[in-house]
Amino acid sequence: MSRDTIRMLVLETDATHPETQERRGSFGAVFHQLFDQAGAAHDPPLGVETDMHYVVEDGPEPGHVPTPSEIPADTRAIIISGSMYDAHGSDAWILKLVDLLRQLWLTRPEMRFSGVCFGHQILCRMLGASVEPTSTGRWELAHTRMKLTDVGQYLFRTDSPTIHLHQMHQDQVTTVPSHHTTKLLSPDDEVRVWASTDHTPVQGIYLRDRLFTSQGHLGFDEQMVHRQIEMRQESGGIKDDAHALEAKETAALIHDGVLVAAAVLRLFHGEDKDLK
């Protein structure tokens, strides 16, 4: 018996560390591994096909932000990766990406959207929310406990009040999108926060049958956490070496990335249309 297959377009907004590239591939490949695992555990199992498109137009090997016409008409699911770039920045490719997402939201009502870290922030920006550095300047790093809202517990089909994900950010979403922040949403579109931490009250947002974002990373493993922290230390982003070392010591702890990916996959599969 054939099984349903979810075809996802991954917009890669950064390159992985060379060690990660050799071991696991690009961010799109990491997403494929994660969602393939979630699809295999789905009842009944779901297949996953992943198209990848690198969109950073800077650097020695620049990518390309596609136009809407370059995205196949049968694309129904799109996910945006994390990045060391600022989602609130004015880089030309970031502005083009925001415009692309806005056009897709307007012209393809059947398309469902997801994003992780930078991807979460850029989708919230597209919907008129504020994205800015945390007022304390402190980073949220590595294995982090997050408090679920009622919606989060429903989405993840759990009675637990918390889940854990790896974090890797200083910037955060500080307001929740609504019809007051953008004309892309109607008064009937209720965007909900599904988890929070003391550092970041908006850990992810959800709009029924349309949108599911996560500030925390779903597919990071221990080595990726170490490499990502080191990259930010080397670039001067993370200046507190003691905090970085403490965070790296949590990198091997079990997290709930597959649980969250399974919920995103259910959105992509159209299973949440009846959520109240």
C-alpha atoms as a PDB file:
ATOM      1  CA  MET A   1       0.000   0.000   0.000  1.00  0.00           C
ATOM      2  CA  SER A   2       1.384   3.407  -0.963  1.00  0.00           C
ATOM      3  CA  ARG A   3       1.870   6.017   1.719  1.00  0.00           C
ATOM      4  CA  ASP A   4       1.340   9.765   1.652  1.00  0.00           C
ATOM      5  CA  THR A   5       4.472  11.786   0.998  1.00  0.00           C
ATOM      6  CA  ILE A   6       5.139  15.302   2.268  1.00  0.00           C
ATOM      7  CA  ARG A   7       7.237  17.364  -0.123  1.00  0.00           C
ATOM      8  CA  MET A   8       8.998  20.227   1.644  1.00  0.00           C
ATOM      9  CA  LEU A   9      10.955  23.160   0.265  1.00  0.00           C
ATOM     10  CA  VAL A  10      13.771  24.113   2.643  1.00  0.00           C
ATOM     11  CA  LEU A  11      15.076  27.656   2.279  1.00  0.00           C
ATOM     12  CA  GLU A  12      18.613  27.439   3.645  1.00  0.00           C
ATOM     13  CA  THR A  13      19.646  30.771   5.176  1.00  0.00           C
ATOM     14  CA  ASP A  14      23.168  29.767   6.176  1.00  0.00           C
ATOM     15  CA  ALA A  15      25.803  27.116   5.541  1.00  0.00           C
ATOM     16  CA  THR A  16      26.646  24.500   8.139  1.00  0.00           C
ATOM     17  CA  HIS A  17      30.058  24.302   9.797  1.00  0.00           C
ATOM     18  CA  PRO A  18      32.527  22.322   7.611  1.00  0.00           C
ATOM     19  CA  GLU A  19      32.592  19.489  10.164  1.00  0.00           C
ATOM     20  CA  THR A  20      28.798  19.339  10.142  1.00  0.00           C
ATOM     21  CA  GLN A  21      28.732  19.540   6.343  1.00  0.00           C
ATOM     22  CA  GLU A  22      30.988  16.493   6.108  1.00  0.00           C
ATOM     23  CA  ARG A  23      29.134  14.521   8.777  1.00  0.00           C
ATOM     24  CA  ARG A  24      25.483  15.451   8.174  1.00  0.00           C
ATOM     25  CA  GLY A  25      25.290  17.761   5.173  1.00  0.00           C
ATOM     26  CA  SER A  26      23.591  21.139   4.747  1.00  0.00           C
ATOM     27  CA  PHE A  27      20.798  22.482   6.939  1.00  0.00           C
ATOM     28  CA  GLY A  28      18.360  21.100   4.384  1.00  0.00           C
ATOM     29  CA  ALA A  29      19.863  17.643   4.800  1.00  0.00           C
ATOM     30  CA  VAL A  30      19.607  17.954   8.585  1.00  0.00           C
ATOM     31  CA  PHE A  31      15.924  18.831   8.211  1.00  0.00           C
ATOM     32  CA  HIS A  32      15.387  15.864   5.911  1.00  0.00           C
ATOM     33  CA  GLN A  33      16.932  13.457   8.416  1.00  0.00           C
ATOM     34  CA  LEU A  34      14.772  14.893  11.195  1.00  0.00           C
ATOM     35  CA  PHE A  35      11.464  14.873   9.317  1.00  0.00           C
ATOM     36  CA  ASP A  36      12.163  11.475   7.795  1.00  0.00           C
ATOM     37  CA  GLN A  37      12.440  10.141  11.348  1.00  0.00           C
ATOM     38  CA  ALA A  38       9.217  11.891  12.368  1.00  0.00           C
ATOM     39  CA  GLY A  39       7.452  10.611   9.244  1.00  0.00           C
ATOM     40  CA  ALA A  40       8.491   7.017   9.931  1.00  0.00           C
ATOM     41  CA  ALA A  41       6.964   7.266  13.424  1.00  0.00           C
ATOM     42  CA  HIS A  42       3.690   8.753  12.134  1.00  0.00           C
ATOM     43  CA  ASP A  43       0.634   6.486  12.122  1.00  0.00           C
ATOM     44  CA  PRO A  44       0.413   5.547   9.313  1.00  0.00           C
ATOM     45  CA  PRO A  45       3.988   6.335   8.206  1.00  0.00           C
ATOM     46  CA  LEU A  46       4.543   9.380   6.002  1.00  0.00           C
ATOM     47  CA  GLY A  47       7.197   9.723   3.338  1.00  0.00           C
ATOM     48  CA  VAL A  48       9.252  12.912   3.189  1.00  0.00           C
ATOM     49  CA  GLU A  49      10.828  14.507   0.116  1.00  0.00           C
ATOM     50  CA  THR A  50      13.009  17.572   0.589  1.00  0.00           C
ATOM     51  CA  ASP A  51      13.949  20.191  -1.992  1.00  0.00           C
ATOM     52  CA  MET A  52      16.701  22.545  -0.809  1.00  0.00           C
ATOM     53  CA  HIS A  53      17.453  26.080  -1.928  1.00  0.00           C
ATOM     54  CA  TYR A  54      20.322  28.191  -0.529  1.00  0.00           C
ATOM     55  CA  VAL A  55      19.169  31.819  -0.415  1.00  0.00           C
ATOM     56  CA  VAL A  56      22.120  33.804   1.008  1.00  0.00           C
ATOM     57  CA  GLU A  57      23.301  35.998  -1.861  1.00  0.00           C
ATOM     58  CA  ASP A  58      26.526  37.077  -0.111  1.00  0.00           C
ATOM     59  CA  GLY A  59      29.890  35.357   0.246  1.00  0.00           C
ATOM     60  CA  PRO A  60      32.215  33.391  -2.047  1.00  0.00           C
ATOM     61  CA  GLU A  61      29.498  30.915  -3.064  1.00  0.00           C
ATOM     62  CA  PRO A  62      26.339  33.031  -3.188  1.00  0.00           C
ATOM     63  CA  GLY A  63      22.900  31.542  -3.398  1.00  0.00           C
ATOM     64  CA  HIS A  64      19.722  33.030  -4.796  1.00  0.00           C
ATOM     65  CA  VAL A  65      16.402  34.131  -3.334  1.00  0.00           C
ATOM     66  CA  PRO A  66      13.863  32.639  -5.743  1.00  0.00           C
ATOM     67  CA  THR A  67      10.940  34.525  -7.175  1.00  0.00           C
ATOM     68  CA  PRO A  68       7.462  33.089  -6.592  1.00  0.00           C
ATOM     69  CA  SER A  69       7.369  31.870 -10.197  1.00  0.00           C
ATOM     70  CA  GLU A  70      10.510  29.799  -9.559  1.00  0.00           C
ATOM     71  CA  ILE A  71       8.790  27.842  -6.786  1.00  0.00           C
ATOM     72  CA  PRO A  72       6.780  24.938  -8.241  1.00  0.00           C
ATOM     73  CA  ALA A  73       3.027  25.399  -8.111  1.00  0.00           C
ATOM     74  CA  ASP A  74       2.601  22.079  -6.302  1.00  0.00           C
ATOM     75  CA  THR A  75       4.799  23.163  -3.360  1.00  0.00           C
ATOM     76  CA  ARG A  76       2.597  22.964  -0.280  1.00  0.00           C
ATOM     77  CA  ALA A  77       5.128  23.117   2.571  1.00  0.00           C
ATOM     78  CA  ILE A  78       8.013  25.499   3.132  1.00  0.00           C
ATOM     79  CA  ILE A  79      10.480  25.644   6.030  1.00  0.00           C
ATOM     80  CA  ILE A  80      13.182  28.234   6.700  1.00  0.00           C
ATOM     81  CA  SER A  81      16.399  27.305   8.480  1.00  0.00           C
ATOM     82  CA  GLY A  82      18.390  28.985  11.208  1.00  0.00           C
ATOM     83  CA  SER A  83      21.202  31.415  10.448  1.00  0.00           C
ATOM     84  CA  MET A  84      23.943  33.526  12.006  1.00  0.00           C
ATOM     85  CA  TYR A  85      22.452  36.524  10.179  1.00  0.00           C
ATOM     86  CA  ASP A  86      20.036  38.919  11.913  1.00  0.00           C
ATOM     87  CA  ALA A  87      16.414  38.376  10.901  1.00  0.00           C
ATOM     88  CA  HIS A  88      15.777  42.062  11.659  1.00  0.00           C
ATOM     89  CA  GLY A  89      18.654  43.088   9.378  1.00  0.00           C
ATOM     90  CA  SER A  90      18.538  45.103   6.160  1.00  0.00           C
ATOM     91  CA  ASP A  91      20.774  42.873   4.010  1.00  0.00           C
ATOM     92  CA  ALA A  92      19.438  42.890   0.456  1.00  0.00           C
ATOM     93  CA  TRP A  93      18.816  39.132   0.405  1.00  0.00           C
ATOM     94  CA  ILE A  94      16.942  39.272   3.734  1.00  0.00           C
ATOM     95  CA  LEU A  95      14.630  41.988   2.408  1.00  0.00           C
ATOM     96  CA  LYS A  96      14.074  39.918  -0.748  1.00  0.00           C
ATOM     97  CA  LEU A  97      13.290  36.874   1.396  1.00  0.00           C
ATOM     98  CA  VAL A  98      10.716  38.793   3.437  1.00  0.00           C
ATOM     99  CA  ASP A  99       9.100  39.986   0.204  1.00  0.00           C
ATOM    100  CA  LEU A 100       9.077  36.445  -1.218  1.00  0.00           C
ATOM    101  CA  LEU A 101       7.370  35.076   1.887  1.00  0.00           C
ATOM    102  CA  ARG A 102       4.823  37.885   1.816  1.00  0.00           C
ATOM    103  CA  GLN A 103       3.971  37.172  -1.827  1.00  0.00           C
ATOM    104  CA  LEU A 104       3.665  33.437  -1.200  1.00  0.00           C
ATOM    105  CA  TRP A 105       1.415  34.045   1.809  1.00  0.00           C
ATOM    106  CA  LEU A 106      -0.860  36.239  -0.291  1.00  0.00           C
ATOM    107  CA  THR A 107      -0.979  34.206  -3.486  1.00  0.00           C
ATOM    108  CA  ARG A 108      -0.787  30.600  -2.249  1.00  0.00           C
ATOM    109  CA  PRO A 109      -3.369  30.102   0.489  1.00  0.00           C
ATOM    110  CA  GLU A 110      -2.813  26.339   0.359  1.00  0.00           C
ATOM    111  CA  MET A 111       0.867  26.709   1.351  1.00  0.00           C
ATOM    112  CA  ARG A 112       1.887  25.971   4.939  1.00  0.00           C
ATOM    113  CA  PHE A 113       4.882  27.683   6.524  1.00  0.00           C
ATOM    114  CA  SER A 114       7.416  26.762   9.179  1.00  0.00           C
ATOM    115  CA  GLY A 115      10.698  28.221  10.372  1.00  0.00           C
ATOM    116  CA  VAL A 116      13.346  27.546  12.996  1.00  0.00           C
ATOM    117  CA  CYS A 117      15.362  30.198  14.888  1.00  0.00           C
ATOM    118  CA  PHE A 118      16.099  32.756  12.116  1.00  0.00           C
ATOM    119  CA  GLY A 119      13.239  31.169  10.171  1.00  0.00           C
ATOM    120  CA  HIS A 120      10.852  31.696  13.092  1.00  0.00           C
ATOM    121  CA  GLN A 121      11.947  35.307  13.391  1.00  0.00           C
ATOM    122  CA  ILE A 122      11.764  36.123   9.669  1.00  0.00           C
ATOM    123  CA  LEU A 123       8.223  34.731   9.401  1.00  0.00           C
ATOM    124  CA  CYS A 124       7.167  36.777  12.415  1.00  0.00           C
ATOM    125  CA  ARG A 125       8.799  39.839  10.855  1.00  0.00           C
ATOM    126  CA  MET A 126       6.912  39.184   7.618  1.00  0.00           C
ATOM    127  CA  LEU A 127       3.695  39.222   9.669  1.00  0.00           C
ATOM    128  CA  GLY A 128       4.522  42.541  11.302  1.00  0.00           C
ATOM    129  CA  ALA A 129       5.923  41.374  14.644  1.00  0.00           C
ATOM    130  CA  SER A 130       8.947  42.980  16.289  1.00  0.00           C
ATOM    131  CA  VAL A 131      12.287  41.139  16.192  1.00  0.00           C
ATOM    132  CA  GLU A 132      15.152  42.574  18.232  1.00  0.00           C
ATOM    133  CA  PRO A 133      18.126  41.681  20.440  1.00  0.00           C
ATOM    134  CA  THR A 134      17.273  40.790  24.005  1.00  0.00           C
ATOM    135  CA  SER A 135      17.517  43.802  26.308  1.00  0.00           C
ATOM    136  CA  THR A 136      20.026  42.040  28.593  1.00  0.00           C
ATOM    137  CA  GLY A 137      22.395  41.076  25.773  1.00  0.00           C
ATOM    138  CA  ARG A 138      22.451  37.511  27.124  1.00  0.00           C
ATOM    139  CA  TRP A 139      22.300  34.529  24.795  1.00  0.00           C
ATOM    140  CA  GLU A 140      19.965  31.573  25.221  1.00  0.00           C
ATOM    141  CA  LEU A 141      22.155  28.569  24.505  1.00  0.00           C
ATOM    142  CA  ALA A 142      21.953  24.796  24.162  1.00  0.00           C
ATOM    143  CA  HIS A 143      19.611  22.516  26.122  1.00  0.00           C
ATOM    144  CA  THR A 144      16.727  24.631  27.429  1.00  0.00           C
ATOM    145  CA  ARG A 145      13.517  23.792  29.256  1.00  0.00           C
ATOM    146  CA  MET A 146      10.473  25.503  27.768  1.00  0.00           C
ATOM    147  CA  LYS A 147       7.073  25.934  29.405  1.00  0.00           C
ATOM    148  CA  LEU A 148       4.224  24.799  27.162  1.00  0.00           C
ATOM    149  CA  THR A 149       0.957  26.653  26.803  1.00  0.00           C
ATOM    150  CA  ASP A 150      -2.313  24.742  26.491  1.00  0.00           C
ATOM    151  CA  VAL A 151      -1.948  24.993  22.714  1.00  0.00           C
ATOM    152  CA  GLY A 152       1.565  23.568  22.922  1.00  0.00           C
ATOM    153  CA  GLN A 153       0.379  20.582  24.946  1.00  0.00           C
ATOM    154  CA  TYR A 154      -2.378  19.978  22.406  1.00  0.00           C
ATOM    155  CA  LEU A 155      -0.037  20.245  19.424  1.00  0.00           C
ATOM    156  CA  PHE A 156       2.502  17.859  20.923  1.00  0.00           C
ATOM    157  CA  ARG A 157      -0.146  15.511  22.331  1.00  0.00           C
ATOM    158  CA  THR A 158       1.384  15.583  25.778  1.00  0.00           C
ATOM    159  CA  ASP A 159       0.309  16.264  29.351  1.00  0.00           C
ATOM    160  CA  SER A 160       3.827  17.363  30.277  1.00  0.00           C
ATOM    161  CA  PRO A 161       4.083  21.069  31.163  1.00  0.00           C
ATOM    162  CA  THR A 162       7.519  21.368  29.522  1.00  0.00           C
ATOM    163  CA  ILE A 163       9.691  20.231  26.628  1.00  0.00           C
ATOM    164  CA  HIS A 164      13.392  20.756  25.886  1.00  0.00           C
ATOM    165  CA  LEU A 165      15.097  22.084  22.750  1.00  0.00           C
ATOM    166  CA  HIS A 166      18.565  23.364  21.902  1.00  0.00           C
ATOM    167  CA  GLN A 167      18.693  27.163  21.672  1.00  0.00           C
ATOM    168  CA  MET A 168      21.222  29.314  19.822  1.00  0.00           C
ATOM    169  CA  HIS A 169      20.099  32.941  19.812  1.00  0.00           C
ATOM    170  CA  GLN A 170      20.317  36.421  21.237  1.00  0.00           C
ATOM    171  CA  ASP A 171      17.666  38.065  19.043  1.00  0.00           C
ATOM    172  CA  GLN A 172      14.045  37.248  19.716  1.00  0.00           C
ATOM    173  CA  VAL A 173      10.470  37.932  18.660  1.00  0.00           C
ATOM    174  CA  THR A 174       8.979  40.391  21.144  1.00  0.00           C
ATOM    175  CA  THR A 175       5.414  40.786  19.851  1.00  0.00           C
ATOM    176  CA  VAL A 176       2.891  38.320  18.466  1.00  0.00           C
ATOM    177  CA  PRO A 177       1.587  38.794  14.902  1.00  0.00           C
ATOM    178  CA  SER A 178      -2.083  39.670  14.529  1.00  0.00           C
ATOM    179  CA  HIS A 179      -4.404  41.594  12.232  1.00  0.00           C
ATOM    180  CA  HIS A 180      -3.216  44.680  14.119  1.00  0.00           C
ATOM    181  CA  THR A 181       0.381  44.148  12.911  1.00  0.00           C
ATOM    182  CA  THR A 182      -0.298  43.193   9.283  1.00  0.00           C
ATOM    183  CA  LYS A 183      -2.978  43.123   6.626  1.00  0.00           C
ATOM    184  CA  LEU A 184      -1.874  39.569   5.819  1.00  0.00           C
ATOM    185  CA  LEU A 185      -3.920  38.379   8.805  1.00  0.00           C
ATOM    186  CA  SER A 186      -7.652  38.796   9.337  1.00  0.00           C
ATOM    187  CA  PRO A 187      -9.411  39.326  12.684  1.00  0.00           C
ATOM    188  CA  ASP A 188     -10.328  35.629  12.544  1.00  0.00           C
ATOM    189  CA  ASP A 189      -6.668  34.559  12.324  1.00  0.00           C
ATOM    190  CA  GLU A 190      -5.652  33.796  15.901  1.00  0.00           C
ATOM    191  CA  VAL A 191      -1.887  33.405  16.178  1.00  0.00           C
ATOM    192  CA  ARG A 192      -0.965  31.580  19.381  1.00  0.00           C
ATOM    193  CA  VAL A 193       2.262  31.169  21.317  1.00  0.00           C
ATOM    194  CA  TRP A 194       2.939  27.513  22.099  1.00  0.00           C
ATOM    195  CA  ALA A 195       5.853  27.832  24.564  1.00  0.00           C
ATOM    196  CA  SER A 196       7.909  30.350  26.523  1.00  0.00           C
ATOM    197  CA  THR A 197      11.048  30.739  28.629  1.00  0.00           C
ATOM    198  CA  ASP A 198      12.133  33.514  30.972  1.00  0.00           C
ATOM    199  CA  HIS A 199      14.633  34.625  28.321  1.00  0.00           C
ATOM    200  CA  THR A 200      12.220  34.431  25.385  1.00  0.00           C
ATOM    201  CA  PRO A 201       8.459  34.591  26.031  1.00  0.00           C
ATOM    202  CA  VAL A 202       7.653  33.901  22.349  1.00  0.00           C
ATOM    203  CA  GLN A 203       9.356  30.542  21.737  1.00  0.00           C
ATOM    204  CA  GLY A 204       7.135  29.661  18.807  1.00  0.00           C
ATOM    205  CA  ILE A 205       3.885  30.638  17.164  1.00  0.00           C
ATOM    206  CA  TYR A 206       1.093  28.688  15.574  1.00  0.00           C
ATOM    207  CA  LEU A 207      -1.766  29.536  13.219  1.00  0.00           C
ATOM    208  CA  ARG A 208      -4.175  26.727  12.487  1.00  0.00           C
ATOM    209  CA  ASP A 209      -3.575  25.039   9.126  1.00  0.00           C
ATOM    210  CA  ARG A 210      -1.043  27.689   8.053  1.00  0.00           C
ATOM    211  CA  LEU A 211       1.949  28.371  10.280  1.00  0.00           C
ATOM    212  CA  PHE A 212       4.151  26.681  12.908  1.00  0.00           C
ATOM    213  CA  THR A 213       7.463  28.222  14.024  1.00  0.00           C
ATOM    214  CA  SER A 214      10.094  27.392  16.642  1.00  0.00           C
ATOM    215  CA  GLN A 215      12.827  29.537  18.151  1.00  0.00           C
ATOM    216  CA  GLY A 216      14.549  26.365  19.371  1.00  0.00           C
ATOM    217  CA  HIS A 217      16.421  24.061  17.017  1.00  0.00           C
ATOM    218  CA  LEU A 218      14.847  20.706  16.198  1.00  0.00           C
ATOM    219  CA  GLY A 219      17.691  18.850  14.499  1.00  0.00           C
ATOM    220  CA  PHE A 220      20.814  19.871  16.405  1.00  0.00           C
ATOM    221  CA  ASP A 221      22.960  17.124  17.925  1.00  0.00           C
ATOM    222  CA  GLU A 222      25.819  17.415  20.422  1.00  0.00           C
ATOM    223  CA  GLN A 223      28.513  18.157  17.860  1.00  0.00           C
ATOM    224  CA  MET A 224      26.382  20.752  16.076  1.00  0.00           C
ATOM    225  CA  VAL A 225      25.732  22.579  19.348  1.00  0.00           C
ATOM    226  CA  HIS A 226      29.476  22.691  20.064  1.00  0.00           C
ATOM    227  CA  ARG A 227      30.338  23.929  16.555  1.00  0.00           C
ATOM    228  CA  GLN A 228      27.593  26.578  16.527  1.00  0.00           C
ATOM    229  CA  ILE A 229      28.660  27.983  19.900  1.00  0.00           C
ATOM    230  CA  GLU A 230      32.313  28.035  18.822  1.00  0.00           C
ATOM    231  CA  MET A 231      31.446  29.836  15.578  1.00  0.00           C
ATOM    232  CA  ARG A 232      29.671  32.560  17.542  1.00  0.00           C
ATOM    233  CA  GLN A 233      32.561  32.857  19.972  1.00  0.00           C
ATOM    234  CA  GLU A 234      35.020  33.196  17.090  1.00  0.00           C
ATOM    235  CA  SER A 235      32.879  35.864  15.416  1.00  0.00           C
ATOM    236  CA  GLY A 236      32.658  37.851  18.662  1.00  0.00           C
ATOM    237  CA  GLY A 237      28.930  37.325  19.079  1.00  0.00           C
ATOM    238  CA  ILE A 238      29.212  35.285  22.276  1.00  0.00           C
ATOM    239  CA  LYS A 239      31.578  37.055  24.666  1.00  0.00           C
ATOM    240  CA  ASP A 240      30.797  35.202  27.903  1.00  0.00           C
ATOM    241  CA  ASP A 241      33.104  32.182  27.706  1.00  0.00           C
ATOM    242  CA  ALA A 242      31.882  30.773  31.022  1.00  0.00           C
ATOM    243  CA  HIS A 243      28.294  30.796  29.772  1.00  0.00           C
ATOM    244  CA  ALA A 244      29.392  29.159  26.525  1.00  0.00           C
ATOM    245  CA  LEU A 245      31.246  26.402  28.381  1.00  0.00           C
ATOM    246  CA  GLU A 246      28.279  25.777  30.670  1.00  0.00           C
ATOM    247  CA  ALA A 247      25.986  25.544  27.639  1.00  0.00           C
ATOM    248  CA  LYS A 248      28.290  23.126  25.810  1.00  0.00           C
ATOM    249  CA  GLU A 249      28.157  20.800  28.801  1.00  0.00           C
ATOM    250  CA  THR A 250      24.401  20.340  28.187  1.00  0.00           C
ATOM    251  CA  ALA A 251      24.779  19.541  24.482  1.00  0.00           C
ATOM    252  CA  ALA A 252      24.521  15.770  24.936  1.00  0.00           C
ATOM    253  CA  LEU A 253      21.227  15.900  26.825  1.00  0.00           C
ATOM    254  CA  ILE A 254      18.154  14.414  25.164  1.00  0.00           C
ATOM    255  CA  HIS A 255      15.836  16.974  23.577  1.00  0.00           C
ATOM    256  CA  ASP A 256      12.390  16.961  21.961  1.00  0.00           C
ATOM    257  CA  GLY A 257      13.224  17.957  18.399  1.00  0.00           C
ATOM    258  CA  VAL A 258      11.515  14.924  16.876  1.00  0.00           C
ATOM    259  CA  LEU A 259       8.376  15.617  18.944  1.00  0.00           C
ATOM    260  CA  VAL A 260       8.188  19.158  17.566  1.00  0.00           C
ATOM    261  CA  ALA A 261       9.017  18.006  14.032  1.00  0.00           C
ATOM    262  CA  ALA A 262       6.156  15.501  14.235  1.00  0.00           C
ATOM    263  CA  ALA A 263       3.739  18.326  15.051  1.00  0.00           C
ATOM    264  CA  VAL A 264       5.048  20.420  12.144  1.00  0.00           C
ATOM    265  CA  LEU A 265       4.671  17.396   9.879  1.00  0.00           C
ATOM    266  CA  ARG A 266       1.040  17.019  10.957  1.00  0.00           C
ATOM    267  CA  LEU A 267       0.490  20.661   9.947  1.00  0.00           C
ATOM    268  CA  PHE A 268       2.099  19.995   6.568  1.00  0.00           C
ATOM    269  CA  HIS A 269      -0.113  16.910   6.190  1.00  0.00           C
ATOM    270  CA  GLY A 270      -3.256  18.950   6.885  1.00  0.00           C
ATOM    271  CA  GLU A 271      -4.199  17.227  10.130  1.00  0.00           C
ATOM    272  CA  ASP A 272      -4.961  20.253  12.297  1.00  0.00           C
ATOM    273  CA  LYS A 273      -7.867  21.869  10.476  1.00  0.00           C
ATOM    274  CA  ASP A 274     -10.255  21.139  13.343  1.00  0.00           C
ATOM    275  CA  LEU A 275      -8.110  22.608  16.117  1.00  0.00           C
ATOM    276  CA  LYS A 276     -10.143  25.122  18.087  1.00  0.00           C
END
